[in-house]
Amino acid sequence: MSLRIHADALYDSLKSLLGSHDPNRVQAKIEHELRHMIPNWTDTLPDCPGWYWFKPQGVAEPQLLLVEHGRIDTKLMADLGPPNNLVDVQRVKGLWAGPLLPPT
């Protein structure tokens, strides 16, 4: 199910409570917030630290990766584990989904 379908369903359930509003702005805001809860696969590289789902190119299983700032500079680095450990996300090819919000 796409983010748009989730956003439309939430909007439909809430619109009677919202009073006068711009429906396009409300739906856009709902869709934006849902991106953290229902991530979609994309080839867009992470732009902030956090936990991301990552699916390498080819036939491989998705995995959770921690993306954080490097220890020496502020480049975003993905923790691929041994033997590579921290690798610049610019060099990691595949699909990304996230960042994931921590549980409340």
PDB file of N, CA and C in Angstrom:
ATOM      1  N   MET A   1       0.851  -1.174   0.000  1.00  0.00           N
ATOM      2  CA  MET A   1       0.000   0.000   0.000  1.00  0.00           C
ATOM      3  C   MET A   1       0.897   1.237   0.000  1.00  0.00           C
ATOM      4  N   SER A   2       0.599   2.198  -0.861  1.00  0.00           N
ATOM      5  CA  SER A   2       1.448   3.385  -0.989  1.00  0.00           C
ATOM      6  C   SER A   2       1.156   4.409   0.108  1.00  0.00           C
ATOM      7  N   LEU A   3       2.115   5.315   0.280  1.00  0.00           N
ATOM      8  CA  LEU A   3       1.929   6.394   1.253  1.00  0.00           C
ATOM      9  C   LEU A   3       0.718   7.241   0.917  1.00  0.00           C
ATOM     10  N   ARG A   4       0.507   7.491  -0.372  1.00  0.00           N
ATOM     11  CA  ARG A   4      -0.633   8.315  -0.795  1.00  0.00           C
ATOM     12  C   ARG A   4      -1.951   7.676  -0.339  1.00  0.00           C
ATOM     13  N   ILE A   5      -2.075   6.366  -0.470  1.00  0.00           N
ATOM     14  CA  ILE A   5      -3.306   5.680  -0.061  1.00  0.00           C
ATOM     15  C   ILE A   5      -3.490   5.789   1.451  1.00  0.00           C
ATOM     16  N   HIS A   6      -2.403   5.610   2.229  1.00  0.00           N
ATOM     17  CA  HIS A   6      -2.487   5.773   3.684  1.00  0.00           C
ATOM     18  C   HIS A   6      -2.874   7.205   4.043  1.00  0.00           C
ATOM     19  N   ALA A   7      -2.251   8.185   3.394  1.00  0.00           N
ATOM     20  CA  ALA A   7      -2.539   9.596   3.676  1.00  0.00           C
ATOM     21  C   ALA A   7      -3.988   9.924   3.334  1.00  0.00           C
ATOM     22  N   ASP A   8      -4.472   9.433   2.201  1.00  0.00           N
ATOM     23  CA  ASP A   8      -5.867   9.685   1.810  1.00  0.00           C
ATOM     24  C   ASP A   8      -6.834   9.087   2.824  1.00  0.00           C
ATOM     25  N   ALA A   9      -6.548   7.875   3.288  1.00  0.00           N
ATOM     26  CA  ALA A   9      -7.425   7.220   4.260  1.00  0.00           C
ATOM     27  C   ALA A   9      -7.453   7.991   5.578  1.00  0.00           C
ATOM     28  N   LEU A  10      -6.276   8.430   6.053  1.00  0.00           N
ATOM     29  CA  LEU A  10      -6.240   9.222   7.283  1.00  0.00           C
ATOM     30  C   LEU A  10      -6.968  10.547   7.116  1.00  0.00           C
ATOM     31  N   TYR A  11      -6.746  11.204   5.994  1.00  0.00           N
ATOM     32  CA  TYR A  11      -7.409  12.484   5.736  1.00  0.00           C
ATOM     33  C   TYR A  11      -8.925  12.302   5.724  1.00  0.00           C
ATOM     34  N   ASP A  12      -9.406  11.269   5.022  1.00  0.00           N
ATOM     35  CA  ASP A  12     -10.859  11.024   4.957  1.00  0.00           C
ATOM     36  C   ASP A  12     -11.456  10.808   6.348  1.00  0.00           C
ATOM     37  N   SER A  13     -10.704  10.158   7.226  1.00  0.00           N
ATOM     38  CA  SER A  13     -11.231   9.911   8.569  1.00  0.00           C
ATOM     39  C   SER A  13     -11.191  11.156   9.457  1.00  0.00           C
ATOM     40  N   LEU A  14     -10.339  12.132   9.121  1.00  0.00           N
ATOM     41  CA  LEU A  14     -10.184  13.326   9.957  1.00  0.00           C
ATOM     42  C   LEU A  14     -10.829  14.592   9.418  1.00  0.00           C
ATOM     43  N   LYS A  15     -11.160  14.642   8.129  1.00  0.00           N
ATOM     44  CA  LYS A  15     -11.559  15.911   7.517  1.00  0.00           C
ATOM     45  C   LYS A  15     -12.791  16.540   8.155  1.00  0.00           C
ATOM     46  N   SER A  16     -13.705  15.736   8.688  1.00  0.00           N
ATOM     47  CA  SER A  16     -14.892  16.323   9.321  1.00  0.00           C
ATOM     48  C   SER A  16     -14.535  17.046  10.620  1.00  0.00           C
ATOM     49  N   LEU A  17     -13.400  16.742  11.218  1.00  0.00           N
ATOM     50  CA  LEU A  17     -12.976  17.372  12.472  1.00  0.00           C
ATOM     51  C   LEU A  17     -12.096  18.598  12.258  1.00  0.00           C
ATOM     52  N   LEU A  18     -11.662  18.839  11.026  1.00  0.00           N
ATOM     53  CA  LEU A  18     -10.668  19.869  10.769  1.00  0.00           C
ATOM     54  C   LEU A  18     -11.221  21.262  10.522  1.00  0.00           C
ATOM     55  N   GLY A  19     -12.502  21.389  10.278  1.00  0.00           N
ATOM     56  CA  GLY A  19     -13.043  22.711   9.987  1.00  0.00           C
ATOM     57  C   GLY A  19     -12.564  23.195   8.633  1.00  0.00           C
ATOM     58  N   SER A  20     -12.403  24.528   8.485  1.00  0.00           N
ATOM     59  CA  SER A  20     -11.945  25.048   7.197  1.00  0.00           C
ATOM     60  C   SER A  20     -10.430  24.872   7.106  1.00  0.00           C
ATOM     61  N   HIS A  21      -9.984  24.334   5.981  1.00  0.00           N
ATOM     62  CA  HIS A  21      -8.567  24.051   5.786  1.00  0.00           C
ATOM     63  C   HIS A  21      -8.299  23.834   4.301  1.00  0.00           C
ATOM     64  N   ASP A  22      -7.036  23.835   3.951  1.00  0.00           N
ATOM     65  CA  ASP A  22      -6.618  23.517   2.587  1.00  0.00           C
ATOM     66  C   ASP A  22      -6.343  22.016   2.530  1.00  0.00           C
ATOM     67  N   PRO A  23      -7.201  21.243   1.870  1.00  0.00           N
ATOM     68  CA  PRO A  23      -7.028  19.786   1.875  1.00  0.00           C
ATOM     69  C   PRO A  23      -5.690  19.331   1.299  1.00  0.00           C
ATOM     70  N   ASN A  24      -5.168  20.046   0.310  1.00  0.00           N
ATOM     71  CA  ASN A  24      -3.884  19.646  -0.280  1.00  0.00           C
ATOM     72  C   ASN A  24      -2.745  19.791   0.722  1.00  0.00           C
ATOM     73  N   ARG A  25      -2.762  20.865   1.520  1.00  0.00           N
ATOM     74  CA  ARG A  25      -1.712  21.059   2.530  1.00  0.00           C
ATOM     75  C   ARG A  25      -1.810  20.008   3.626  1.00  0.00           C
ATOM     76  N   VAL A  26      -3.029  19.691   4.042  1.00  0.00           N
ATOM     77  CA  VAL A  26      -3.214  18.689   5.101  1.00  0.00           C
ATOM     78  C   VAL A  26      -2.745  17.322   4.612  1.00  0.00           C
ATOM     79  N   GLN A  27      -3.146  16.934   3.397  1.00  0.00           N
ATOM     80  CA  GLN A  27      -2.729  15.639   2.866  1.00  0.00           C
ATOM     81  C   GLN A  27      -1.215  15.575   2.676  1.00  0.00           C
ATOM     82  N   ALA A  28      -0.609  16.659   2.223  1.00  0.00           N
ATOM     83  CA  ALA A  28       0.844  16.688   2.044  1.00  0.00           C
ATOM     84  C   ALA A  28       1.559  16.520   3.388  1.00  0.00           C
ATOM     85  N   LYS A  29       1.048  17.180   4.430  1.00  0.00           N
ATOM     86  CA  LYS A  29       1.647  17.065   5.763  1.00  0.00           C
ATOM     87  C   LYS A  29       1.493  15.641   6.305  1.00  0.00           C
ATOM     88  N   ILE A  30       0.337  15.048   6.126  1.00  0.00           N
ATOM     89  CA  ILE A  30       0.122  13.660   6.573  1.00  0.00           C
ATOM     90  C   ILE A  30       1.080  12.727   5.844  1.00  0.00           C
ATOM     91  N   GLU A  31       1.187  12.889   4.535  1.00  0.00           N
ATOM     92  CA  GLU A  31       2.071  12.032   3.746  1.00  0.00           C
ATOM     93  C   GLU A  31       3.532  12.205   4.187  1.00  0.00           C
ATOM     94  N   HIS A  32       3.936  13.443   4.454  1.00  0.00           N
ATOM     95  CA  HIS A  32       5.300  13.706   4.907  1.00  0.00           C
ATOM     96  C   HIS A  32       5.583  12.989   6.221  1.00  0.00           C
ATOM     97  N   GLU A  33       4.658  13.074   7.165  1.00  0.00           N
ATOM     98  CA  GLU A  33       4.852  12.437   8.470  1.00  0.00           C
ATOM     99  C   GLU A  33       4.830  10.916   8.364  1.00  0.00           C
ATOM    100  N   LEU A  34       4.015  10.376   7.462  1.00  0.00           N
ATOM    101  CA  LEU A  34       3.946   8.929   7.296  1.00  0.00           C
ATOM    102  C   LEU A  34       5.238   8.342   6.740  1.00  0.00           C
ATOM    103  N   ARG A  35       6.041   9.153   6.055  1.00  0.00           N
ATOM    104  CA  ARG A  35       7.302   8.648   5.493  1.00  0.00           C
ATOM    105  C   ARG A  35       8.200   8.053   6.572  1.00  0.00           C
ATOM    106  N   HIS A  36       8.104   8.551   7.809  1.00  0.00           N
ATOM    107  CA  HIS A  36       8.926   8.032   8.898  1.00  0.00           C
ATOM    108  C   HIS A  36       8.366   6.721   9.443  1.00  0.00           C
ATOM    109  N   MET A  37       7.069   6.519   9.299  1.00  0.00           N
ATOM    110  CA  MET A  37       6.446   5.306   9.826  1.00  0.00           C
ATOM    111  C   MET A  37       6.326   4.219   8.778  1.00  0.00           C
ATOM    112  N   ILE A  38       6.152   4.608   7.528  1.00  0.00           N
ATOM    113  CA  ILE A  38       5.962   3.649   6.450  1.00  0.00           C
ATOM    114  C   ILE A  38       6.946   4.003   5.342  1.00  0.00           C
ATOM    115  N   PRO A  39       8.211   3.656   5.523  1.00  0.00           N
ATOM    116  CA  PRO A  39       9.202   4.037   4.510  1.00  0.00           C
ATOM    117  C   PRO A  39       9.014   3.270   3.209  1.00  0.00           C
ATOM    118  N   ASN A  40       9.357   3.912   2.109  1.00  0.00           N
ATOM    119  CA  ASN A  40       9.313   3.297   0.784  1.00  0.00           C
ATOM    120  C   ASN A  40      10.728   3.151   0.261  1.00  0.00           C
ATOM    121  N   TRP A  41      10.956   2.109  -0.558  1.00  0.00           N
ATOM    122  CA  TRP A  41      12.265   1.921  -1.168  1.00  0.00           C
ATOM    123  C   TRP A  41      12.536   3.035  -2.169  1.00  0.00           C
ATOM    124  N   THR A  42      13.751   3.568  -2.134  1.00  0.00           N
ATOM    125  CA  THR A  42      14.166   4.606  -3.059  1.00  0.00           C
ATOM    126  C   THR A  42      15.677   4.502  -3.270  1.00  0.00           C
ATOM    127  N   ASP A  43      16.148   5.025  -4.388  1.00  0.00           N
ATOM    128  CA  ASP A  43      17.596   5.043  -4.593  1.00  0.00           C
ATOM    129  C   ASP A  43      18.213   6.343  -4.083  1.00  0.00           C
ATOM    130  N   THR A  44      17.406   7.184  -3.453  1.00  0.00           N
ATOM    131  CA  THR A  44      17.906   8.422  -2.844  1.00  0.00           C
ATOM    132  C   THR A  44      18.730   8.072  -1.610  1.00  0.00           C
ATOM    133  N   LEU A  45      19.924   8.607  -1.540  1.00  0.00           N
ATOM    134  CA  LEU A  45      20.820   8.316  -0.418  1.00  0.00           C
ATOM    135  C   LEU A  45      20.339   8.999   0.861  1.00  0.00           C
ATOM    136  N   PRO A  46      20.629   8.410   2.017  1.00  0.00           N
ATOM    137  CA  PRO A  46      20.271   9.051   3.286  1.00  0.00           C
ATOM    138  C   PRO A  46      20.876  10.453   3.383  1.00  0.00           C
ATOM    139  N   ASP A  47      20.104  11.383   3.968  1.00  0.00           N
ATOM    140  CA  ASP A  47      20.592  12.751   4.130  1.00  0.00           C
ATOM    141  C   ASP A  47      20.657  13.171   5.594  1.00  0.00           C
ATOM    142  N   CYS A  48      20.371  12.219   6.502  1.00  0.00           N
ATOM    143  CA  CYS A  48      20.483  12.502   7.928  1.00  0.00           C
ATOM    144  C   CYS A  48      20.778  11.192   8.660  1.00  0.00           C
ATOM    145  N   PRO A  49      21.361  11.283   9.855  1.00  0.00           N
ATOM    146  CA  PRO A  49      21.656  10.071  10.611  1.00  0.00           C
ATOM    147  C   PRO A  49      20.377   9.340  11.014  1.00  0.00           C
ATOM    148  N   GLY A  50      20.492   8.048  11.235  1.00  0.00           N
ATOM    149  CA  GLY A  50      19.364   7.245  11.696  1.00  0.00           C
ATOM    150  C   GLY A  50      19.497   5.800  11.245  1.00  0.00           C
ATOM    151  N   TRP A  51      18.476   5.021  11.539  1.00  0.00           N
ATOM    152  CA  TRP A  51      18.408   3.632  11.099  1.00  0.00           C
ATOM    153  C   TRP A  51      17.658   3.577   9.787  1.00  0.00           C
ATOM    154  N   TYR A  52      18.197   2.851   8.832  1.00  0.00           N
ATOM    155  CA  TYR A  52      17.613   2.731   7.506  1.00  0.00           C
ATOM    156  C   TYR A  52      17.536   1.258   7.103  1.00  0.00           C
ATOM    157  N   TRP A  53      16.486   0.919   6.376  1.00  0.00           N
ATOM    158  CA  TRP A  53      16.471  -0.354   5.673  1.00  0.00           C
ATOM    159  C   TRP A  53      17.321  -0.162   4.428  1.00  0.00           C
ATOM    160  N   PHE A  54      18.135  -1.159   4.114  1.00  0.00           N
ATOM    161  CA  PHE A  54      18.990  -1.105   2.933  1.00  0.00           C
ATOM    162  C   PHE A  54      18.895  -2.426   2.194  1.00  0.00           C
ATOM    163  N   LYS A  55      18.713  -2.349   0.865  1.00  0.00           N
ATOM    164  CA  LYS A  55      18.683  -3.538   0.020  1.00  0.00           C
ATOM    165  C   LYS A  55      19.773  -3.382  -1.026  1.00  0.00           C
ATOM    166  N   PRO A  56      20.843  -4.209  -0.919  1.00  0.00           N
ATOM    167  CA  PRO A  56      21.936  -4.112  -1.888  1.00  0.00           C
ATOM    168  C   PRO A  56      21.462  -4.462  -3.296  1.00  0.00           C
ATOM    169  N   GLN A  57      22.232  -4.033  -4.282  1.00  0.00           N
ATOM    170  CA  GLN A  57      21.919  -4.379  -5.662  1.00  0.00           C
ATOM    171  C   GLN A  57      22.017  -5.882  -5.845  1.00  0.00           C
ATOM    172  N   GLY A  58      21.258  -6.401  -6.810  1.00  0.00           N
ATOM    173  CA  GLY A  58      21.273  -7.838  -7.074  1.00  0.00           C
ATOM    174  C   GLY A  58      20.321  -8.581  -6.164  1.00  0.00           C
ATOM    175  N   VAL A  59      20.560  -9.861  -6.023  1.00  0.00           N
ATOM    176  CA  VAL A  59      19.702 -10.707  -5.189  1.00  0.00           C
ATOM    177  C   VAL A  59      20.300 -10.729  -3.783  1.00  0.00           C
ATOM    178  N   ALA A  60      19.692 -10.000  -2.890  1.00  0.00           N
ATOM    179  CA  ALA A  60      20.174  -9.930  -1.510  1.00  0.00           C
ATOM    180  C   ALA A  60      19.006  -9.563  -0.605  1.00  0.00           C
ATOM    181  N   GLU A  61      19.103  -9.963   0.626  1.00  0.00           N
ATOM    182  CA  GLU A  61      18.072  -9.668   1.614  1.00  0.00           C
ATOM    183  C   GLU A  61      18.235  -8.243   2.155  1.00  0.00           C
ATOM    184  N   PRO A  62      17.125  -7.541   2.407  1.00  0.00           N
ATOM    185  CA  PRO A  62      17.227  -6.220   3.046  1.00  0.00           C
ATOM    186  C   PRO A  62      17.812  -6.359   4.451  1.00  0.00           C
ATOM    187  N   GLN A  63      18.478  -5.317   4.894  1.00  0.00           N
ATOM    188  CA  GLN A  63      19.055  -5.313   6.233  1.00  0.00           C
ATOM    189  C   GLN A  63      18.921  -3.931   6.844  1.00  0.00           C
ATOM    190  N   LEU A  64      18.922  -3.872   8.161  1.00  0.00           N
ATOM    191  CA  LEU A  64      18.912  -2.589   8.861  1.00  0.00           C
ATOM    192  C   LEU A  64      20.334  -2.094   9.003  1.00  0.00           C
ATOM    193  N   LEU A  65      20.550  -0.829   8.653  1.00  0.00           N
ATOM    194  CA  LEU A  65      21.877  -0.223   8.780  1.00  0.00           C
ATOM    195  C   LEU A  65      21.787   1.058   9.586  1.00  0.00           C
ATOM    196  N   LEU A  66      22.789   1.268  10.406  1.00  0.00           N
ATOM    197  CA  LEU A  66      22.904   2.530  11.124  1.00  0.00           C
ATOM    198  C   LEU A  66      23.713   3.489  10.267  1.00  0.00           C
ATOM    199  N   VAL A  67      23.157   4.669  10.028  1.00  0.00           N
ATOM    200  CA  VAL A  67      23.855   5.723   9.287  1.00  0.00           C
ATOM    201  C   VAL A  67      24.128   6.847  10.280  1.00  0.00           C
ATOM    202  N   GLU A  68      25.407   7.225  10.385  1.00  0.00           N
ATOM    203  CA  GLU A  68      25.773   8.280  11.329  1.00  0.00           C
ATOM    204  C   GLU A  68      26.932   9.093  10.771  1.00  0.00           C
ATOM    205  N   HIS A  69      27.186  10.228  11.409  1.00  0.00           N
ATOM    206  CA  HIS A  69      28.301  11.077  10.985  1.00  0.00           C
ATOM    207  C   HIS A  69      29.618  10.376  11.294  1.00  0.00           C
ATOM    208  N   GLY A  70      30.600  10.568  10.398  1.00  0.00           N
ATOM    209  CA  GLY A  70      31.919   9.979  10.599  1.00  0.00           C
ATOM    210  C   GLY A  70      32.611  10.549  11.820  1.00  0.00           C
ATOM    211  N   ARG A  71      33.601   9.839  12.285  1.00  0.00           N
ATOM    212  CA  ARG A  71      34.327  10.268  13.491  1.00  0.00           C
ATOM    213  C   ARG A  71      35.294  11.406  13.201  1.00  0.00           C
ATOM    214  N   ILE A  72      35.782  11.490  11.966  1.00  0.00           N
ATOM    215  CA  ILE A  72      36.765  12.514  11.617  1.00  0.00           C
ATOM    216  C   ILE A  72      36.106  13.729  10.969  1.00  0.00           C
ATOM    217  N   ASP A  73      35.146  13.479  10.081  1.00  0.00           N
ATOM    218  CA  ASP A  73      34.439  14.589   9.437  1.00  0.00           C
ATOM    219  C   ASP A  73      32.937  14.357   9.570  1.00  0.00           C
ATOM    220  N   THR A  74      32.150  15.153   8.887  1.00  0.00           N
ATOM    221  CA  THR A  74      30.698  15.055   9.046  1.00  0.00           C
ATOM    222  C   THR A  74      30.024  14.268   7.929  1.00  0.00           C
ATOM    223  N   LYS A  75      30.811  13.538   7.124  1.00  0.00           N
ATOM    224  CA  LYS A  75      30.199  12.698   6.087  1.00  0.00           C
ATOM    225  C   LYS A  75      29.285  11.677   6.742  1.00  0.00           C
ATOM    226  N   LEU A  76      28.203  11.352   6.061  1.00  0.00           N
ATOM    227  CA  LEU A  76      27.336  10.288   6.559  1.00  0.00           C
ATOM    228  C   LEU A  76      27.949   8.944   6.190  1.00  0.00           C
ATOM    229  N   MET A  77      28.069   8.091   7.185  1.00  0.00           N
ATOM    230  CA  MET A  77      28.682   6.787   7.026  1.00  0.00           C
ATOM    231  C   MET A  77      27.674   5.700   7.383  1.00  0.00           C
ATOM    232  N   ALA A  78      27.676   4.614   6.601  1.00  0.00           N
ATOM    233  CA  ALA A  78      26.816   3.459   6.872  1.00  0.00           C
ATOM    234  C   ALA A  78      27.657   2.385   7.544  1.00  0.00           C
ATOM    235  N   ASP A  79      27.138   1.805   8.604  1.00  0.00           N
ATOM    236  CA  ASP A  79      27.844   0.736   9.314  1.00  0.00           C
ATOM    237  C   ASP A  79      27.504  -0.599   8.664  1.00  0.00           C
ATOM    238  N   LEU A  80      28.403  -1.078   7.786  1.00  0.00           N
ATOM    239  CA  LEU A  80      28.187  -2.336   7.073  1.00  0.00           C
ATOM    240  C   LEU A  80      28.701  -3.537   7.845  1.00  0.00           C
ATOM    241  N   GLY A  81      29.301  -3.313   8.990  1.00  0.00           N
ATOM    242  CA  GLY A  81      29.862  -4.407   9.770  1.00  0.00           C
ATOM    243  C   GLY A  81      31.189  -4.867   9.176  1.00  0.00           C
ATOM    244  N   PRO A  82      31.817  -5.855   9.810  1.00  0.00           N
ATOM    245  CA  PRO A  82      33.104  -6.338   9.308  1.00  0.00           C
ATOM    246  C   PRO A  82      32.957  -6.929   7.909  1.00  0.00           C
ATOM    247  N   PRO A  83      33.921  -6.855   7.055  1.00  0.00           N
ATOM    248  CA  PRO A  83      35.239  -6.273   7.250  1.00  0.00           C
ATOM    249  C   PRO A  83      35.289  -4.787   6.905  1.00  0.00           C
ATOM    250  N   ASN A  84      34.230  -4.225   6.293  1.00  0.00           N
ATOM    251  CA  ASN A  84      34.273  -2.830   5.833  1.00  0.00           C
ATOM    252  C   ASN A  84      33.961  -1.819   6.918  1.00  0.00           C
ATOM    253  N   ASN A  85      33.102  -2.185   7.851  1.00  0.00           N
ATOM    254  CA  ASN A  85      32.633  -1.295   8.909  1.00  0.00           C
ATOM    255  C   ASN A  85      32.037  -0.016   8.331  1.00  0.00           C
ATOM    256  N   LEU A  86      32.516   1.164   8.729  1.00  0.00           N
ATOM    257  CA  LEU A  86      31.908   2.418   8.294  1.00  0.00           C
ATOM    258  C   LEU A  86      32.349   2.783   6.877  1.00  0.00           C
ATOM    259  N   VAL A  87      31.345   2.967   6.003  1.00  0.00           N
ATOM    260  CA  VAL A  87      31.595   3.303   4.601  1.00  0.00           C
ATOM    261  C   VAL A  87      30.769   4.532   4.256  1.00  0.00           C
ATOM    262  N   ASP A  88      31.339   5.462   3.510  1.00  0.00           N
ATOM    263  CA  ASP A  88      30.632   6.657   3.051  1.00  0.00           C
ATOM    264  C   ASP A  88      29.376   6.218   2.298  1.00  0.00           C
ATOM    265  N   VAL A  89      28.193   6.755   2.673  1.00  0.00           N
ATOM    266  CA  VAL A  89      26.945   6.334   2.014  1.00  0.00           C
ATOM    267  C   VAL A  89      26.971   6.619   0.519  1.00  0.00           C
ATOM    268  N   GLN A  90      27.782   7.562   0.072  1.00  0.00           N
ATOM    269  CA  GLN A  90      27.894   7.856  -1.355  1.00  0.00           C
ATOM    270  C   GLN A  90      28.425   6.648  -2.129  1.00  0.00           C
ATOM    271  N   ARG A  91      29.134   5.756  -1.451  1.00  0.00           N
ATOM    272  CA  ARG A  91      29.741   4.597  -2.102  1.00  0.00           C
ATOM    273  C   ARG A  91      28.890   3.336  -1.983  1.00  0.00           C
ATOM    274  N   VAL A  92      27.787   3.397  -1.233  1.00  0.00           N
ATOM    275  CA  VAL A  92      26.958   2.218  -0.999  1.00  0.00           C
ATOM    276  C   VAL A  92      25.809   2.229  -2.007  1.00  0.00           C
ATOM    277  N   LYS A  93      25.798   1.259  -2.903  1.00  0.00           N
ATOM    278  CA  LYS A  93      24.803   1.200  -3.975  1.00  0.00           C
ATOM    279  C   LYS A  93      23.679   0.235  -3.618  1.00  0.00           C
ATOM    280  N   GLY A  94      22.460   0.706  -3.795  1.00  0.00           N
ATOM    281  CA  GLY A  94      21.294  -0.117  -3.515  1.00  0.00           C
ATOM    282  C   GLY A  94      20.088   0.769  -3.238  1.00  0.00           C
ATOM    283  N   LEU A  95      19.079   0.181  -2.633  1.00  0.00           N
ATOM    284  CA  LEU A  95      17.851   0.909  -2.289  1.00  0.00           C
ATOM    285  C   LEU A  95      17.813   1.185  -0.798  1.00  0.00           C
ATOM    286  N   TRP A  96      17.267   2.341  -0.446  1.00  0.00           N
ATOM    287  CA  TRP A  96      17.184   2.782   0.941  1.00  0.00           C
ATOM    288  C   TRP A  96      15.726   3.044   1.319  1.00  0.00           C
ATOM    289  N   ALA A  97      15.407   2.867   2.608  1.00  0.00           N
ATOM    290  CA  ALA A  97      14.087   3.213   3.143  1.00  0.00           C
ATOM    291  C   ALA A  97      14.304   3.720   4.571  1.00  0.00           C
ATOM    292  N   GLY A  98      13.861   4.937   4.834  1.00  0.00           N
ATOM    293  CA  GLY A  98      14.040   5.479   6.179  1.00  0.00           C
ATOM    294  C   GLY A  98      14.306   6.968   6.128  1.00  0.00           C
ATOM    295  N   PRO A  99      14.705   7.566   7.233  1.00  0.00           N
ATOM    296  CA  PRO A  99      15.091   6.936   8.500  1.00  0.00           C
ATOM    297  C   PRO A  99      13.879   6.475   9.295  1.00  0.00           C
ATOM    298  N   LEU A 100      14.083   5.482  10.126  1.00  0.00           N
ATOM    299  CA  LEU A 100      13.017   4.947  10.971  1.00  0.00           C
ATOM    300  C   LEU A 100      12.996   5.700  12.286  1.00  0.00           C
ATOM    301  N   LEU A 101      11.798   6.047  12.738  1.00  0.00           N
ATOM    302  CA  LEU A 101      11.670   6.699  14.031  1.00  0.00           C
ATOM    303  C   LEU A 101      11.763   5.649  15.132  1.00  0.00           C
ATOM    304  N   PRO A 102      12.404   5.977  16.260  1.00  0.00           N
ATOM    305  CA  PRO A 102      12.448   5.008  17.368  1.00  0.00           C
ATOM    306  C   PRO A 102      11.067   4.852  17.985  1.00  0.00           C
ATOM    307  N   PRO A 103      10.802   3.710  18.593  1.00  0.00           N
ATOM    308  CA  PRO A 103       9.493   3.500  19.242  1.00  0.00           C
ATOM    309  C   PRO A 103       9.278   4.492  20.379  1.00  0.00           C
ATOM    310  N   THR A 104       8.025   4.761  20.675  1.00  0.00           N
ATOM    311  CA  THR A 104       7.708   5.676  21.773  1.00  0.00           C
ATOM    312  C   THR A 104       7.496   4.928  23.054  1.00  0.00           C
TER     313      THR A 104
END
